Every structure is written in structure tokens, then in C-alpha cells.
Amino acid sequence: MCKEGENIMIRPLGDRIVIKVIEDTEQTSGGIFIPDSAKEKPQKGEVVAVGQGKLNDKNERQPMDVKVGDKILYAKYAGTDVKVDGVEYKILSVSDALAVIE
């Protein structure tokens, strides 16, 4: 499942999700922009695709905790970075998603 209007060529398997990382532009109160090299990696993203879910012992799919369009916080060193058509995405296990931002 992919976000409507987005046509990414990545279909996550099992309990994995694909997110587009949300970059926060940081600027001090004095108007100085903080360079990327001085910032911590962002830990916020928007879910653009979800897998079908993990199979349990009874060979049934477990429901996913997130859905396409959710904005999430994820673990600091989680996932694998991929670039498709010049856009950066991150593929991670749904268990690395820490919270949904509402």
C-alpha cells in the first residue's frame, strides 16, 4: 500500500515500512541556519508504504500498528537508507517505530 499521489517503486515485505524522512530546517533565534553536519539525524518521518504484516505461529498476519500517511518517531539508528528517483527513503521494521505523532 502506497500513499495516494506517490508512486514509489518499493514494496516492503513482512512487518517492514517505508518512510520519507521529515527534515527539520533549524535556524537560531538570530536567523543563523545550523548546517547538516552540526545537527543530529532526524528521527521523524511519514509512512509512505507498509508491508502485509508478520506471520504468527498460526500462519495468520498480525495487523500493522501504523498506516500510510502516519507521521512517526523512530529509533535513532533504525532502518536502511535508500534513494529512489532522487528521493531518500528509509526502510525499517514496524517495531522500530516508537510513536505516531497526532
PDB file of N, CA and C in Angstrom:
ATOM      1  N   MET A   1       0.846  -1.178   0.000  1.00  0.00           N
ATOM      2  CA  MET A   1       0.000   0.000   0.000  1.00  0.00           C
ATOM      3  C   MET A   1       0.887   1.236   0.000  1.00  0.00           C
ATOM      4  N   CYS A   2       0.605   2.154  -0.900  1.00  0.00           N
ATOM      5  CA  CYS A   2       1.372   3.390  -1.007  1.00  0.00           C
ATOM      6  C   CYS A   2       0.446   4.581  -0.839  1.00  0.00           C
ATOM      7  N   LYS A   3       1.027   5.692  -0.440  1.00  0.00           N
ATOM      8  CA  LYS A   3       0.268   6.922  -0.270  1.00  0.00           C
ATOM      9  C   LYS A   3      -0.280   7.364  -1.615  1.00  0.00           C
ATOM     10  N   GLU A   4      -1.517   7.813  -1.622  1.00  0.00           N
ATOM     11  CA  GLU A   4      -2.139   8.265  -2.852  1.00  0.00           C
ATOM     12  C   GLU A   4      -1.362   9.449  -3.424  1.00  0.00           C
ATOM     13  N   GLY A   5      -1.113   9.427  -4.715  1.00  0.00           N
ATOM     14  CA  GLY A   5      -0.362  10.504  -5.349  1.00  0.00           C
ATOM     15  C   GLY A   5       1.134  10.237  -5.387  1.00  0.00           C
ATOM     16  N   GLU A   6       1.600   9.284  -4.607  1.00  0.00           N
ATOM     17  CA  GLU A   6       3.016   8.907  -4.625  1.00  0.00           C
ATOM     18  C   GLU A   6       3.136   7.584  -5.330  1.00  0.00           C
ATOM     19  N   ASN A   7       4.119   7.489  -6.187  1.00  0.00           N
ATOM     20  CA  ASN A   7       4.309   6.263  -6.936  1.00  0.00           C
ATOM     21  C   ASN A   7       5.735   5.793  -6.721  1.00  0.00           C
ATOM     22  N   ILE A   8       6.008   5.247  -5.540  1.00  0.00           N
ATOM     23  CA  ILE A   8       7.353   4.760  -5.270  1.00  0.00           C
ATOM     24  C   ILE A   8       7.430   3.310  -5.701  1.00  0.00           C
ATOM     25  N   MET A   9       8.617   2.891  -6.047  1.00  0.00           N
ATOM     26  CA  MET A   9       8.818   1.544  -6.570  1.00  0.00           C
ATOM     27  C   MET A   9       9.360   0.610  -5.488  1.00  0.00           C
ATOM     28  N   ILE A  10       8.961   0.821  -4.248  1.00  0.00           N
ATOM     29  CA  ILE A  10       9.414  -0.021  -3.147  1.00  0.00           C
ATOM     30  C   ILE A  10       8.185  -0.634  -2.486  1.00  0.00           C
ATOM     31  N   ARG A  11       8.155  -1.956  -2.384  1.00  0.00           N
ATOM     32  CA  ARG A  11       7.073  -2.644  -1.687  1.00  0.00           C
ATOM     33  C   ARG A  11       7.695  -3.377  -0.513  1.00  0.00           C
ATOM     34  N   PRO A  12       7.457  -2.882   0.713  1.00  0.00           N
ATOM     35  CA  PRO A  12       8.060  -3.529   1.872  1.00  0.00           C
ATOM     36  C   PRO A  12       7.465  -4.910   2.122  1.00  0.00           C
ATOM     37  N   LEU A  13       8.288  -5.804   2.623  1.00  0.00           N
ATOM     38  CA  LEU A  13       7.870  -7.172   2.907  1.00  0.00           C
ATOM     39  C   LEU A  13       7.629  -7.366   4.399  1.00  0.00           C
ATOM     40  N   GLY A  14       6.745  -8.304   4.726  1.00  0.00           N
ATOM     41  CA  GLY A  14       6.514  -8.668   6.120  1.00  0.00           C
ATOM     42  C   GLY A  14       6.097  -7.493   6.985  1.00  0.00           C
ATOM     43  N   ASP A  15       6.833  -7.291   8.077  1.00  0.00           N
ATOM     44  CA  ASP A  15       6.480  -6.244   9.039  1.00  0.00           C
ATOM     45  C   ASP A  15       7.312  -4.980   8.838  1.00  0.00           C
ATOM     46  N   ARG A  16       7.731  -4.716   7.617  1.00  0.00           N
ATOM     47  CA  ARG A  16       8.540  -3.528   7.344  1.00  0.00           C
ATOM     48  C   ARG A  16       7.687  -2.404   6.784  1.00  0.00           C
ATOM     49  N   ILE A  17       8.184  -1.172   6.978  1.00  0.00           N
ATOM     50  CA  ILE A  17       7.523   0.016   6.456  1.00  0.00           C
ATOM     51  C   ILE A  17       8.550   0.867   5.721  1.00  0.00           C
ATOM     52  N   VAL A  18       8.072   1.682   4.797  1.00  0.00           N
ATOM     53  CA  VAL A  18       8.917   2.644   4.095  1.00  0.00           C
ATOM     54  C   VAL A  18       8.462   4.031   4.533  1.00  0.00           C
ATOM     55  N   ILE A  19       9.430   4.855   4.947  1.00  0.00           N
ATOM     56  CA  ILE A  19       9.096   6.212   5.366  1.00  0.00           C
ATOM     57  C   ILE A  19       9.914   7.216   4.571  1.00  0.00           C
ATOM     58  N   LYS A  20       9.335   8.400   4.437  1.00  0.00           N
ATOM     59  CA  LYS A  20      10.067   9.529   3.879  1.00  0.00           C
ATOM     60  C   LYS A  20      10.474  10.364   5.094  1.00  0.00           C
ATOM     61  N   VAL A  21      11.771  10.552   5.267  1.00  0.00           N
ATOM     62  CA  VAL A  21      12.291  11.273   6.428  1.00  0.00           C
ATOM     63  C   VAL A  21      11.865  12.736   6.348  1.00  0.00           C
ATOM     64  N   ILE A  22      11.375  13.275   7.458  1.00  0.00           N
ATOM     65  CA  ILE A  22      10.995  14.682   7.536  1.00  0.00           C
ATOM     66  C   ILE A  22      12.175  15.457   8.086  1.00  0.00           C
ATOM     67  N   GLU A  23      12.725  16.318   7.246  1.00  0.00           N
ATOM     68  CA  GLU A  23      13.869  17.140   7.640  1.00  0.00           C
ATOM     69  C   GLU A  23      13.368  18.412   8.300  1.00  0.00           C
ATOM     70  N   ASP A  24      13.842  18.690   9.480  1.00  0.00           N
ATOM     71  CA  ASP A  24      13.525  19.941  10.153  1.00  0.00           C
ATOM     72  C   ASP A  24      14.611  20.952   9.822  1.00  0.00           C
ATOM     73  N   THR A  25      14.219  22.086   9.239  1.00  0.00           N
ATOM     74  CA  THR A  25      15.212  23.123   8.991  1.00  0.00           C
ATOM     75  C   THR A  25      15.404  23.875  10.292  1.00  0.00           C
ATOM     76  N   GLU A  26      16.626  23.898  10.753  1.00  0.00           N
ATOM     77  CA  GLU A  26      16.892  24.517  12.038  1.00  0.00           C
ATOM     78  C   GLU A  26      17.547  25.870  11.844  1.00  0.00           C
ATOM     79  N   GLN A  27      17.006  26.846  12.558  1.00  0.00           N
ATOM     80  CA  GLN A  27      17.511  28.206  12.499  1.00  0.00           C
ATOM     81  C   GLN A  27      17.488  28.759  13.922  1.00  0.00           C
ATOM     82  N   THR A  28      18.552  29.439  14.285  1.00  0.00           N
ATOM     83  CA  THR A  28      18.594  30.027  15.621  1.00  0.00           C
ATOM     84  C   THR A  28      17.683  31.243  15.669  1.00  0.00           C
ATOM     85  N   SER A  29      17.421  31.752  16.876  1.00  0.00           N
ATOM     86  CA  SER A  29      16.568  32.929  17.014  1.00  0.00           C
ATOM     87  C   SER A  29      17.184  34.152  16.341  1.00  0.00           C
ATOM     88  N   GLY A  30      18.503  34.138  16.139  1.00  0.00           N
ATOM     89  CA  GLY A  30      19.186  35.242  15.459  1.00  0.00           C
ATOM     90  C   GLY A  30      19.171  35.112  13.950  1.00  0.00           C
ATOM     91  N   GLY A  31      18.592  34.030  13.419  1.00  0.00           N
ATOM     92  CA  GLY A  31      18.473  33.870  11.983  1.00  0.00           C
ATOM     93  C   GLY A  31      19.580  33.055  11.349  1.00  0.00           C
ATOM     94  N   ILE A  32      20.451  32.441  12.148  1.00  0.00           N
ATOM     95  CA  ILE A  32      21.552  31.638  11.606  1.00  0.00           C
ATOM     96  C   ILE A  32      21.068  30.215  11.388  1.00  0.00           C
ATOM     97  N   PHE A  33      21.298  29.689  10.170  1.00  0.00           N
ATOM     98  CA  PHE A  33      20.930  28.314   9.870  1.00  0.00           C
ATOM     99  C   PHE A  33      22.014  27.378  10.373  1.00  0.00           C
ATOM    100  N   ILE A  34      21.583  26.273  10.989  1.00  0.00           N
ATOM    101  CA  ILE A  34      22.520  25.279  11.511  1.00  0.00           C
ATOM    102  C   ILE A  34      22.811  24.288  10.390  1.00  0.00           C
ATOM    103  N   PRO A  35      24.081  24.087  10.008  1.00  0.00           N
ATOM    104  CA  PRO A  35      24.399  23.170   8.905  1.00  0.00           C
ATOM    105  C   PRO A  35      24.086  21.724   9.266  1.00  0.00           C
ATOM    106  N   ASP A  36      23.851  20.907   8.207  1.00  0.00           N
ATOM    107  CA  ASP A  36      23.523  19.489   8.406  1.00  0.00           C
ATOM    108  C   ASP A  36      24.581  18.753   9.209  1.00  0.00           C
ATOM    109  N   SER A  37      25.848  19.116   9.024  1.00  0.00           N
ATOM    110  CA  SER A  37      26.926  18.423   9.713  1.00  0.00           C
ATOM    111  C   SER A  37      26.903  18.659  11.221  1.00  0.00           C
ATOM    112  N   ALA A  38      26.226  19.704  11.664  1.00  0.00           N
ATOM    113  CA  ALA A  38      26.174  20.026  13.089  1.00  0.00           C
ATOM    114  C   ALA A  38      24.889  19.535  13.750  1.00  0.00           C
ATOM    115  N   LYS A  39      23.962  18.988  12.958  1.00  0.00           N
ATOM    116  CA  LYS A  39      22.689  18.540  13.502  1.00  0.00           C
ATOM    117  C   LYS A  39      22.696  17.035  13.707  1.00  0.00           C
ATOM    118  N   GLU A  40      21.837  16.583  14.608  1.00  0.00           N
ATOM    119  CA  GLU A  40      21.622  15.150  14.767  1.00  0.00           C
ATOM    120  C   GLU A  40      20.713  14.684  13.639  1.00  0.00           C
ATOM    121  N   LYS A  41      20.792  13.401  13.319  1.00  0.00           N
ATOM    122  CA  LYS A  41      19.930  12.854  12.278  1.00  0.00           C
ATOM    123  C   LYS A  41      18.470  12.962  12.727  1.00  0.00           C
ATOM    124  N   PRO A  42      17.575  13.283  11.788  1.00  0.00           N
ATOM    125  CA  PRO A  42      16.159  13.364  12.160  1.00  0.00           C
ATOM    126  C   PRO A  42      15.622  11.992  12.529  1.00  0.00           C
ATOM    127  N   GLN A  43      14.627  11.982  13.387  1.00  0.00           N
ATOM    128  CA  GLN A  43      14.016  10.727  13.808  1.00  0.00           C
ATOM    129  C   GLN A  43      12.511  10.785  13.606  1.00  0.00           C
ATOM    130  N   LYS A  44      12.104  11.573  12.597  1.00  0.00           N
ATOM    131  CA  LYS A  44      10.690  11.751  12.317  1.00  0.00           C
ATOM    132  C   LYS A  44      10.483  11.481  10.827  1.00  0.00           C
ATOM    133  N   GLY A  45       9.396  10.791  10.487  1.00  0.00           N
ATOM    134  CA  GLY A  45       9.132  10.503   9.094  1.00  0.00           C
ATOM    135  C   GLY A  45       7.662  10.244   8.841  1.00  0.00           C
ATOM    136  N   GLU A  46       7.317  10.239   7.548  1.00  0.00           N
ATOM    137  CA  GLU A  46       5.944   9.948   7.138  1.00  0.00           C
ATOM    138  C   GLU A  46       5.921   8.594   6.445  1.00  0.00           C
ATOM    139  N   VAL A  47       5.001   7.743   6.868  1.00  0.00           N
ATOM    140  CA  VAL A  47       4.880   6.404   6.302  1.00  0.00           C
ATOM    141  C   VAL A  47       4.299   6.520   4.892  1.00  0.00           C
ATOM    142  N   VAL A  48       5.033   5.974   3.902  1.00  0.00           N
ATOM    143  CA  VAL A  48       4.566   6.012   2.509  1.00  0.00           C
ATOM    144  C   VAL A  48       4.188   4.630   1.984  1.00  0.00           C
ATOM    145  N   ALA A  49       4.608   3.565   2.667  1.00  0.00           N
ATOM    146  CA  ALA A  49       4.224   2.208   2.271  1.00  0.00           C
ATOM    147  C   ALA A  49       4.380   1.282   3.473  1.00  0.00           C
ATOM    148  N   VAL A  50       3.493   0.287   3.562  1.00  0.00           N
ATOM    149  CA  VAL A  50       3.561  -0.693   4.651  1.00  0.00           C
ATOM    150  C   VAL A  50       3.484  -2.104   4.081  1.00  0.00           C
ATOM    151  N   GLY A  51       4.157  -3.034   4.761  1.00  0.00           N
ATOM    152  CA  GLY A  51       4.092  -4.437   4.377  1.00  0.00           C
ATOM    153  C   GLY A  51       2.777  -5.047   4.831  1.00  0.00           C
ATOM    154  N   GLN A  52       2.609  -6.339   4.574  1.00  0.00           N
ATOM    155  CA  GLN A  52       1.368  -7.022   4.925  1.00  0.00           C
ATOM    156  C   GLN A  52       1.295  -7.404   6.395  1.00  0.00           C
ATOM    157  N   GLY A  53       2.404  -7.381   7.083  1.00  0.00           N
ATOM    158  CA  GLY A  53       2.428  -7.776   8.484  1.00  0.00           C
ATOM    159  C   GLY A  53       3.161  -9.093   8.651  1.00  0.00           C
ATOM    160  N   LYS A  54       3.606  -9.337   9.868  1.00  0.00           N
ATOM    161  CA  LYS A  54       4.368 -10.545  10.190  1.00  0.00           C
ATOM    162  C   LYS A  54       3.417 -11.721  10.372  1.00  0.00           C
ATOM    163  N   LEU A  55       3.866 -12.907   9.978  1.00  0.00           N
ATOM    164  CA  LEU A  55       3.073 -14.118  10.191  1.00  0.00           C
ATOM    165  C   LEU A  55       3.282 -14.626  11.611  1.00  0.00           C
ATOM    166  N   ASN A  56       2.185 -14.990  12.288  1.00  0.00           N
ATOM    167  CA  ASN A  56       2.317 -15.553  13.627  1.00  0.00           C
ATOM    168  C   ASN A  56       2.401 -17.081  13.547  1.00  0.00           C
ATOM    169  N   ASP A  57       2.386 -17.747  14.689  1.00  0.00           N
ATOM    170  CA  ASP A  57       2.521 -19.213  14.743  1.00  0.00           C
ATOM    171  C   ASP A  57       1.381 -19.951  14.041  1.00  0.00           C
ATOM    172  N   LYS A  58       0.210 -19.312  13.939  1.00  0.00           N
ATOM    173  CA  LYS A  58      -0.949 -19.934  13.290  1.00  0.00           C
ATOM    174  C   LYS A  58      -0.996 -19.590  11.797  1.00  0.00           C
ATOM    175  N   ASN A  59       0.088 -19.014  11.276  1.00  0.00           N
ATOM    176  CA  ASN A  59       0.196 -18.619   9.873  1.00  0.00           C
ATOM    177  C   ASN A  59      -0.817 -17.536   9.498  1.00  0.00           C
ATOM    178  N   GLU A  60      -1.139 -16.669  10.476  1.00  0.00           N
ATOM    179  CA  GLU A  60      -2.046 -15.544  10.252  1.00  0.00           C
ATOM    180  C   GLU A  60      -1.227 -14.257  10.303  1.00  0.00           C
ATOM    181  N   ARG A  61      -1.626 -13.280   9.527  1.00  0.00           N
ATOM    182  CA  ARG A  61      -0.933 -11.982   9.515  1.00  0.00           C
ATOM    183  C   ARG A  61      -1.317 -11.168  10.746  1.00  0.00           C
ATOM    184  N   GLN A  62      -0.299 -10.614  11.413  1.00  0.00           N
ATOM    185  CA  GLN A  62      -0.553  -9.720  12.532  1.00  0.00           C
ATOM    186  C   GLN A  62      -0.835  -8.333  11.961  1.00  0.00           C
ATOM    187  N   PRO A  63      -1.807  -7.617  12.517  1.00  0.00           N
ATOM    188  CA  PRO A  63      -2.110  -6.282  11.994  1.00  0.00           C
ATOM    189  C   PRO A  63      -0.943  -5.318  12.245  1.00  0.00           C
ATOM    190  N   MET A  64      -0.755  -4.387  11.331  1.00  0.00           N
ATOM    191  CA  MET A  64       0.313  -3.389  11.459  1.00  0.00           C
ATOM    192  C   MET A  64      -0.167  -2.268  12.383  1.00  0.00           C
ATOM    193  N   ASP A  65       0.769  -1.712  13.158  1.00  0.00           N
ATOM    194  CA  ASP A  65       0.442  -0.636  14.094  1.00  0.00           C
ATOM    195  C   ASP A  65       0.375   0.728  13.425  1.00  0.00           C
ATOM    196  N   VAL A  66       0.913   0.848  12.217  1.00  0.00           N
ATOM    197  CA  VAL A  66       0.910   2.126  11.505  1.00  0.00           C
ATOM    198  C   VAL A  66       0.259   1.937  10.147  1.00  0.00           C
ATOM    199  N   LYS A  67      -0.156   3.055   9.551  1.00  0.00           N
ATOM    200  CA  LYS A  67      -0.757   3.015   8.222  1.00  0.00           C
ATOM    201  C   LYS A  67      -0.137   4.109   7.366  1.00  0.00           C
ATOM    202  N   VAL A  68      -0.337   4.015   6.075  1.00  0.00           N
ATOM    203  CA  VAL A  68       0.184   5.012   5.145  1.00  0.00           C
ATOM    204  C   VAL A  68      -0.369   6.387   5.527  1.00  0.00           C
ATOM    205  N   GLY A  69       0.511   7.372   5.564  1.00  0.00           N
ATOM    206  CA  GLY A  69       0.119   8.734   5.927  1.00  0.00           C
ATOM    207  C   GLY A  69       0.442   9.103   7.359  1.00  0.00           C
ATOM    208  N   ASP A  70       0.674   8.104   8.230  1.00  0.00           N
ATOM    209  CA  ASP A  70       1.030   8.396   9.623  1.00  0.00           C
ATOM    210  C   ASP A  70       2.391   9.076   9.686  1.00  0.00           C
ATOM    211  N   LYS A  71       2.522  10.031  10.581  1.00  0.00           N
ATOM    212  CA  LYS A  71       3.826  10.624  10.879  1.00  0.00           C
ATOM    213  C   LYS A  71       4.312   9.948  12.156  1.00  0.00           C
ATOM    214  N   ILE A  72       5.545   9.432  12.119  1.00  0.00           N
ATOM    215  CA  ILE A  72       6.041   8.632  13.237  1.00  0.00           C
ATOM    216  C   ILE A  72       7.385   9.139  13.733  1.00  0.00           C
ATOM    217  N   LEU A  73       7.698   8.760  14.961  1.00  0.00           N
ATOM    218  CA  LEU A  73       9.039   8.888  15.512  1.00  0.00           C
ATOM    219  C   LEU A  73       9.629   7.492  15.484  1.00  0.00           C
ATOM    220  N   TYR A  74      10.903   7.384  15.106  1.00  0.00           N
ATOM    221  CA  TYR A  74      11.522   6.064  15.018  1.00  0.00           C
ATOM    222  C   TYR A  74      12.861   6.059  15.746  1.00  0.00           C
ATOM    223  N   ALA A  75      13.355   4.862  16.044  1.00  0.00           N
ATOM    224  CA  ALA A  75      14.601   4.689  16.783  1.00  0.00           C
ATOM    225  C   ALA A  75      15.768   5.338  16.027  1.00  0.00           C
ATOM    226  N   LYS A  76      16.706   5.872  16.770  1.00  0.00           N
ATOM    227  CA  LYS A  76      17.797   6.684  16.226  1.00  0.00           C
ATOM    228  C   LYS A  76      18.603   6.003  15.127  1.00  0.00           C
ATOM    229  N   TYR A  77      19.006   4.771  15.312  1.00  0.00           N
ATOM    230  CA  TYR A  77      19.864   4.095  14.337  1.00  0.00           C
ATOM    231  C   TYR A  77      19.123   3.026  13.546  1.00  0.00           C
ATOM    232  N   ALA A  78      17.814   3.153  13.454  1.00  0.00           N
ATOM    233  CA  ALA A  78      16.987   2.132  12.815  1.00  0.00           C
ATOM    234  C   ALA A  78      16.996   2.262  11.294  1.00  0.00           C
ATOM    235  N   GLY A  79      16.777   1.144  10.642  1.00  0.00           N
ATOM    236  CA  GLY A  79      16.474   1.137   9.229  1.00  0.00           C
ATOM    237  C   GLY A  79      17.642   1.204   8.276  1.00  0.00           C
ATOM    238  N   THR A  80      17.294   1.138   7.014  1.00  0.00           N
ATOM    239  CA  THR A  80      18.241   1.200   5.914  1.00  0.00           C
ATOM    240  C   THR A  80      17.844   2.346   4.998  1.00  0.00           C
ATOM    241  N   ASP A  81      18.805   3.210   4.674  1.00  0.00           N
ATOM    242  CA  ASP A  81      18.542   4.337   3.791  1.00  0.00           C
ATOM    243  C   ASP A  81      18.610   3.880   2.344  1.00  0.00           C
ATOM    244  N   VAL A  82      17.618   4.301   1.543  1.00  0.00           N
ATOM    245  CA  VAL A  82      17.605   4.012   0.113  1.00  0.00           C
ATOM    246  C   VAL A  82      17.210   5.280  -0.643  1.00  0.00           C
ATOM    247  N   LYS A  83      17.670   5.394  -1.883  1.00  0.00           N
ATOM    248  CA  LYS A  83      17.315   6.542  -2.709  1.00  0.00           C
ATOM    249  C   LYS A  83      16.663   6.011  -3.978  1.00  0.00           C
ATOM    250  N   VAL A  84      15.459   6.503  -4.281  1.00  0.00           N
ATOM    251  CA  VAL A  84      14.717   6.101  -5.470  1.00  0.00           C
ATOM    252  C   VAL A  84      14.324   7.365  -6.220  1.00  0.00           C
ATOM    253  N   ASP A  85      14.748   7.471  -7.470  1.00  0.00           N
ATOM    254  CA  ASP A  85      14.458   8.640  -8.299  1.00  0.00           C
ATOM    255  C   ASP A  85      14.834   9.946  -7.602  1.00  0.00           C
ATOM    256  N   GLY A  86      15.957   9.940  -6.906  1.00  0.00           N
ATOM    257  CA  GLY A  86      16.458  11.145  -6.255  1.00  0.00           C
ATOM    258  C   GLY A  86      15.809  11.473  -4.920  1.00  0.00           C
ATOM    259  N   VAL A  87      14.870  10.660  -4.469  1.00  0.00           N
ATOM    260  CA  VAL A  87      14.188  10.894  -3.190  1.00  0.00           C
ATOM    261  C   VAL A  87      14.700   9.876  -2.182  1.00  0.00           C
ATOM    262  N   GLU A  88      15.042  10.357  -0.982  1.00  0.00           N
ATOM    263  CA  GLU A  88      15.563   9.468   0.048  1.00  0.00           C
ATOM    264  C   GLU A  88      14.440   8.908   0.913  1.00  0.00           C
ATOM    265  N   TYR A  89      14.490   7.602   1.098  1.00  0.00           N
ATOM    266  CA  TYR A  89      13.537   6.890   1.941  1.00  0.00           C
ATOM    267  C   TYR A  89      14.315   6.069   2.960  1.00  0.00           C
ATOM    268  N   LYS A  90      13.599   5.573   3.954  1.00  0.00           N
ATOM    269  CA  LYS A  90      14.188   4.687   4.946  1.00  0.00           C
ATOM    270  C   LYS A  90      13.243   3.498   5.083  1.00  0.00           C
ATOM    271  N   ILE A  91      13.821   2.290   5.050  1.00  0.00           N
ATOM    272  CA  ILE A  91      13.039   1.070   5.251  1.00  0.00           C
ATOM    273  C   ILE A  91      13.369   0.553   6.641  1.00  0.00           C
ATOM    274  N   LEU A  92      12.335   0.357   7.462  1.00  0.00           N
ATOM    275  CA  LEU A  92      12.576  -0.136   8.813  1.00  0.00           C
ATOM    276  C   LEU A  92      11.471  -1.071   9.252  1.00  0.00           C
ATOM    277  N   SER A  93      11.767  -1.839  10.265  1.00  0.00           N
ATOM    278  CA  SER A  93      10.788  -2.743  10.845  1.00  0.00           C
ATOM    279  C   SER A  93       9.764  -1.911  11.623  1.00  0.00           C
ATOM    280  N   VAL A  94       8.537  -2.351  11.617  1.00  0.00           N
ATOM    281  CA  VAL A  94       7.495  -1.612  12.343  1.00  0.00           C
ATOM    282  C   VAL A  94       7.829  -1.549  13.845  1.00  0.00           C
ATOM    283  N   SER A  95       8.614  -2.508  14.342  1.00  0.00           N
ATOM    284  CA  SER A  95       8.983  -2.481  15.765  1.00  0.00           C
ATOM    285  C   SER A  95       9.949  -1.326  16.076  1.00  0.00           C
ATOM    286  N   ASP A  96      10.600  -0.740  15.048  1.00  0.00           N
ATOM    287  CA  ASP A  96      11.464   0.418  15.256  1.00  0.00           C
ATOM    288  C   ASP A  96      10.683   1.729  15.294  1.00  0.00           C
ATOM    289  N   ALA A  97       9.407   1.689  14.954  1.00  0.00           N
ATOM    290  CA  ALA A  97       8.547   2.870  15.072  1.00  0.00           C
ATOM    291  C   ALA A  97       8.187   3.008  16.548  1.00  0.00           C
ATOM    292  N   LEU A  98       8.527   4.145  17.128  1.00  0.00           N
ATOM    293  CA  LEU A  98       8.338   4.340  18.562  1.00  0.00           C
ATOM    294  C   LEU A  98       6.978   4.949  18.905  1.00  0.00           C
ATOM    295  N   ALA A  99       6.479   5.847  18.040  1.00  0.00           N
ATOM    296  CA  ALA A  99       5.223   6.526  18.339  1.00  0.00           C
ATOM    297  C   ALA A  99       4.662   7.143  17.074  1.00  0.00           C
ATOM    298  N   VAL A 100       3.341   7.313  17.059  1.00  0.00           N
ATOM    299  CA  VAL A 100       2.653   8.031  15.977  1.00  0.00           C
ATOM    300  C   VAL A 100       2.409   9.447  16.474  1.00  0.00           C
ATOM    301  N   ILE A 101       2.756  10.436  15.656  1.00  0.00           N
ATOM    302  CA  ILE A 101       2.537  11.832  16.021  1.00  0.00           C
ATOM    303  C   ILE A 101       1.132  12.212  15.583  1.00  0.00           C
ATOM    304  N   GLU A 102       0.305  12.657  16.530  1.00  0.00           N
ATOM    305  CA  GLU A 102      -1.079  13.044  16.202  1.00  0.00           C
ATOM    306  C   GLU A 102      -1.309  14.517  16.375  1.00  0.00           C
TER     307      GLU A 102
END
